[in-house]
Structures are given as C-alpha cells and as structure tokens.
Amino acid sequence: MATITISVPEKLNDLKKRFPDTDWNEVLKRGILKRLEELKKFEELKSKGKL
C-alpha cells in the first residue's frame, strides 16, 4: 500500500485532536476513494458525450 503525507493548517489539526477516537486515516482514504469514483464517472459521461 502506498503512503501519502499531507499537511493541514494548525487550526484544522487542533480540531482533529478534539476527536481522538476517529480513525482519520480511514476518513481521508474514504474521501479520496469517493472523489476518484466521481472523477471516473465524469470521464465515463464525458466519453459518451453526455455532458
């Protein structure tokens, strides 16, 4: 599995620390997968001329 490192503003990091039981890696992974699915769907529609 590949590793991605991100930088977030300090304010966001402080908010994230308020919820230590949340698996932030999983949250990010799901967000990335969702966006990739959206982009794939967009490309499919674009290739079919439906945009």
N, C-alpha and C. Protein backbone atom coordinates (compact mmCIF):
# COMPACT_ATOMS: atom_id res chain seq x y z
N MET A 1 0.85 -1.17 0.00
CA MET A 1 0.00 0.00 0.00
C MET A 1 0.89 1.24 0.00
N ALA A 2 0.49 2.22 -0.77
CA ALA A 2 1.23 3.47 -0.85
C ALA A 2 0.95 4.33 0.39
N THR A 3 1.87 5.22 0.67
CA THR A 3 1.73 6.14 1.78
C THR A 3 1.63 7.56 1.24
N ILE A 4 0.69 8.32 1.80
CA ILE A 4 0.53 9.73 1.44
C ILE A 4 0.71 10.55 2.70
N THR A 5 1.48 11.60 2.61
CA THR A 5 1.65 12.52 3.72
C THR A 5 1.01 13.84 3.35
N ILE A 6 0.19 14.37 4.25
CA ILE A 6 -0.45 15.65 3.97
C ILE A 6 -0.10 16.64 5.07
N SER A 7 -0.20 17.90 4.73
CA SER A 7 -0.04 18.98 5.70
C SER A 7 -1.38 19.67 5.85
N VAL A 8 -1.75 19.94 7.07
CA VAL A 8 -3.01 20.64 7.33
C VAL A 8 -2.72 21.87 8.19
N PRO A 9 -3.54 22.89 8.04
CA PRO A 9 -3.37 24.08 8.88
C PRO A 9 -3.48 23.71 10.37
N GLU A 10 -2.79 24.44 11.19
CA GLU A 10 -2.77 24.17 12.63
C GLU A 10 -4.17 24.17 13.22
N LYS A 11 -5.02 25.07 12.74
CA LYS A 11 -6.39 25.15 13.25
C LYS A 11 -7.15 23.85 12.99
N LEU A 12 -6.99 23.30 11.81
CA LEU A 12 -7.64 22.03 11.47
C LEU A 12 -7.07 20.90 12.32
N ASN A 13 -5.78 20.90 12.51
CA ASN A 13 -5.15 19.87 13.34
C ASN A 13 -5.64 19.94 14.78
N ASP A 14 -5.82 21.15 15.29
CA ASP A 14 -6.34 21.31 16.64
C ASP A 14 -7.75 20.74 16.75
N LEU A 15 -8.59 21.00 15.74
CA LEU A 15 -9.95 20.45 15.75
C LEU A 15 -9.92 18.93 15.67
N LYS A 16 -9.05 18.41 14.83
CA LYS A 16 -8.92 16.96 14.67
C LYS A 16 -8.56 16.30 16.01
N LYS A 17 -7.72 16.94 16.78
CA LYS A 17 -7.29 16.38 18.07
C LYS A 17 -8.43 16.30 19.08
N ARG A 18 -9.50 17.05 18.85
CA ARG A 18 -10.65 17.00 19.75
C ARG A 18 -11.42 15.69 19.62
N PHE A 19 -11.12 14.94 18.56
CA PHE A 19 -11.84 13.69 18.30
C PHE A 19 -10.84 12.55 18.09
N PRO A 20 -10.11 12.20 19.16
CA PRO A 20 -9.03 11.21 19.03
C PRO A 20 -9.51 9.80 18.69
N ASP A 21 -10.79 9.50 18.93
CA ASP A 21 -11.29 8.16 18.64
C ASP A 21 -11.60 7.96 17.15
N THR A 22 -11.56 9.04 16.39
CA THR A 22 -11.82 8.95 14.96
C THR A 22 -10.58 8.45 14.24
N ASP A 23 -10.78 7.50 13.34
CA ASP A 23 -9.67 6.99 12.52
C ASP A 23 -9.52 7.92 11.31
N TRP A 24 -8.72 8.95 11.48
CA TRP A 24 -8.58 9.99 10.45
C TRP A 24 -7.98 9.44 9.17
N ASN A 25 -7.15 8.41 9.27
CA ASN A 25 -6.61 7.79 8.05
C ASN A 25 -7.74 7.19 7.22
N GLU A 26 -8.69 6.55 7.90
CA GLU A 26 -9.83 5.96 7.20
C GLU A 26 -10.73 7.04 6.60
N VAL A 27 -10.93 8.11 7.34
CA VAL A 27 -11.73 9.23 6.83
C VAL A 27 -11.12 9.78 5.54
N LEU A 28 -9.83 9.99 5.55
CA LEU A 28 -9.14 10.51 4.36
C LEU A 28 -9.19 9.51 3.21
N LYS A 29 -8.97 8.24 3.52
CA LYS A 29 -9.00 7.22 2.48
C LYS A 29 -10.37 7.16 1.81
N ARG A 30 -11.42 7.20 2.59
CA ARG A 30 -12.78 7.17 2.03
C ARG A 30 -13.05 8.42 1.18
N GLY A 31 -12.58 9.56 1.65
CA GLY A 31 -12.76 10.80 0.88
C GLY A 31 -12.05 10.75 -0.46
N ILE A 32 -10.84 10.22 -0.46
CA ILE A 32 -10.07 10.09 -1.70
C ILE A 32 -10.75 9.12 -2.65
N LEU A 33 -11.20 7.98 -2.13
CA LEU A 33 -11.88 6.98 -2.97
C LEU A 33 -13.17 7.55 -3.55
N LYS A 34 -13.92 8.30 -2.75
CA LYS A 34 -15.16 8.91 -3.24
C LYS A 34 -14.87 9.87 -4.38
N ARG A 35 -13.86 10.69 -4.21
CA ARG A 35 -13.51 11.66 -5.26
C ARG A 35 -13.05 10.95 -6.53
N LEU A 36 -12.28 9.89 -6.39
CA LEU A 36 -11.83 9.13 -7.55
C LEU A 36 -13.01 8.49 -8.29
N GLU A 37 -13.99 8.01 -7.54
CA GLU A 37 -15.20 7.45 -8.17
C GLU A 37 -15.95 8.53 -8.93
N GLU A 38 -16.04 9.73 -8.35
CA GLU A 38 -16.70 10.84 -9.04
C GLU A 38 -15.98 11.20 -10.33
N LEU A 39 -14.66 11.25 -10.28
CA LEU A 39 -13.88 11.58 -11.47
C LEU A 39 -14.02 10.50 -12.54
N LYS A 40 -14.06 9.25 -12.12
CA LYS A 40 -14.24 8.15 -13.07
C LYS A 40 -15.59 8.26 -13.75
N LYS A 41 -16.64 8.53 -12.98
CA LYS A 41 -17.98 8.69 -13.53
C LYS A 41 -18.02 9.87 -14.50
N PHE A 42 -17.38 10.96 -14.15
CA PHE A 42 -17.31 12.14 -15.01
C PHE A 42 -16.65 11.78 -16.34
N GLU A 43 -15.54 11.06 -16.29
CA GLU A 43 -14.85 10.67 -17.52
C GLU A 43 -15.72 9.77 -18.38
N GLU A 44 -16.47 8.86 -17.74
CA GLU A 44 -17.37 7.97 -18.48
C GLU A 44 -18.45 8.76 -19.20
N LEU A 45 -19.06 9.70 -18.49
CA LEU A 45 -20.10 10.53 -19.09
C LEU A 45 -19.54 11.40 -20.21
N LYS A 46 -18.35 11.93 -19.97
CA LYS A 46 -17.69 12.78 -20.96
C LYS A 46 -17.39 11.99 -22.23
N SER A 47 -16.91 10.77 -22.08
CA SER A 47 -16.57 9.96 -23.25
C SER A 47 -17.80 9.53 -24.03
N LYS A 48 -18.95 9.47 -23.35
CA LYS A 48 -20.21 9.11 -24.02
C LYS A 48 -20.92 10.34 -24.59
N GLY A 49 -20.33 11.52 -24.38
CA GLY A 49 -20.92 12.75 -24.88
C GLY A 49 -22.18 13.17 -24.13
N LYS A 50 -22.29 12.78 -22.89
CA LYS A 50 -23.48 13.09 -22.10
C LYS A 50 -23.28 14.30 -21.18
N LEU A 51 -22.25 15.07 -21.41
CA LEU A 51 -22.04 16.28 -20.60
C LEU A 51 -22.25 17.51 -21.43
